[in-house]
Amino acid sequence: MTLILILTVICLLIPLYVYCGYPLLLWLLSRLKPALPEPAFDRTKKVTLVVSCYNEAGVIAEKLENALALDYPKELLDILVLSDGSDDDTDTIVKSFADHGVRLLRQEGRLGKTMGLNMALEHTDADYVVFSDANAMYQIDAILQLVRFFQLPEVGYVVGAALYTDGKDNAAAANEDLYWRYELKLKLWESRLHSVVGGDGAIYAIRRSLWQPLQQKDINDFVNPLQIVAQGYRGIFTPTARCYEETAGDFTKEAKRKERIVNRSVRGLMRVKAVMNPFYNGWFSFEVISHKLLRWLLPYFACIGLVGSAFLAAQQQILFQLVIAGALLVFIAATIGGFRRSSPSLAIWFAMPYYLLMVNYFAMRGVVKALQGQTQVTWSSVRPSNQVRVIPTESGLPGLIVVVILFTICLMWPYV
């Protein structure tokens, strides 16, 4: 009984720590560190802006016009579009910008973004490289805001703030926008304590000299920053370097995207697992374990904690009876949210539980697939605005409902 009690309490406290305790502790620790100086703008270094795309005919022209309008010396800004075997009009549109200095680098065979970036880095001699996506529209001073921090010799990568423009359009977008603003706060505090954990494929920059070729299954904007930290540098988050993009606009599409990210990130972390050694990387190890590893494993801890709570609740433990009652209410709210997920006026007390359960459900799948050696190396746009190619998307609702029903049975069995 004592062992079950201890295990249950630990497993219930881990989710609480991940979502609440870690941010609070991170904020307190970051307050003890001096703020980084903000160097003056540097307009003297050559920068390559790498735009990765696959079938982005619907947005690539707008992206290139946005890039050409950026406030950076034209002779020092190299715009390189990486096309991963696009079979729509993406390449043709990019070639129409050749007179403006835009370069097209085509990768045949759909080898994935990571392999394409390996190739792109072989085609630049710039001091710094900025990575971006086709749908990420940069604020006019974004590159200036990024590269100025490279005047600090300890800085190896700089991550900007990707902000959503459709956060009020529907419940799915609102929840993703809320979650992302929470993430941006963590990035800010992590940056001050040591380094922001991971980059952002929409907007982050590195010193080209620190690039190390990646394996095909690596997720570039997570593994690459880890490699840079392992070389003795730190990564900075700057909220003043901004870009704007849309969410997927759908609960299941967002959750599936997170499954892919978790799936590839788990493998990536295991490949650069030395960053979790506090004797070599100090506070960064604490950040990686708390922000990434424990969050990926959180649904497993929660499942064990709830099953243990059901057993203890049957022993007339009032605290755990309250836990079970709360879990059932969350499951009921999530189920209602799932059936009404397409409603633009879905209330937050239904949308949020559904969003959290859906994300963690797909995170579990991502971890399982990683352990089975399954890794997705190519990607397709999930944005609602990209109508060039419709990719069928698996609905996660049936699977989630099955999980909810099974868990409800597990929680209620002591009383049957």
Foldseek 3Di string as FASTA:
>chain_A
DVVLVVLLVVLVVLVVCLQPVVLVVLQVLLVVFDDDDQFDFDQPFAEEEEEEDAQPVVQQLVQVVLVLLAPHPLVRYAYEYEYQQHDDCNVVSQVVCVVSRYHYDYHPDRLFDQVSVLVVLVVDPTQKYKAAYRFWRWDRHQVRSFCRVVVPVQAFKEAEQEAEPCLQQFLQSVLVRVVSVSLLSVQQSCQSNFARQFHDNHTMMGGSVQADRDDLLADCRHLRQLSSVLVRHHYHYDHVTYIYGHDLLALQVNLLVLLQVLLSNVVSCVVSVVCLDCVRRNVSNVVCCSNRVSLLCSVVSVLSSLLSLLVVVLVVPVVSVVVLVVVLLLLVLLLVCLVCVPPRPDDCSSSVSVSVLSNNVSSPVSVVCNVVVDHDRHDDDSHPSSPSDDDDGDDCNVVSNVVSVVSNCSSCVSVD
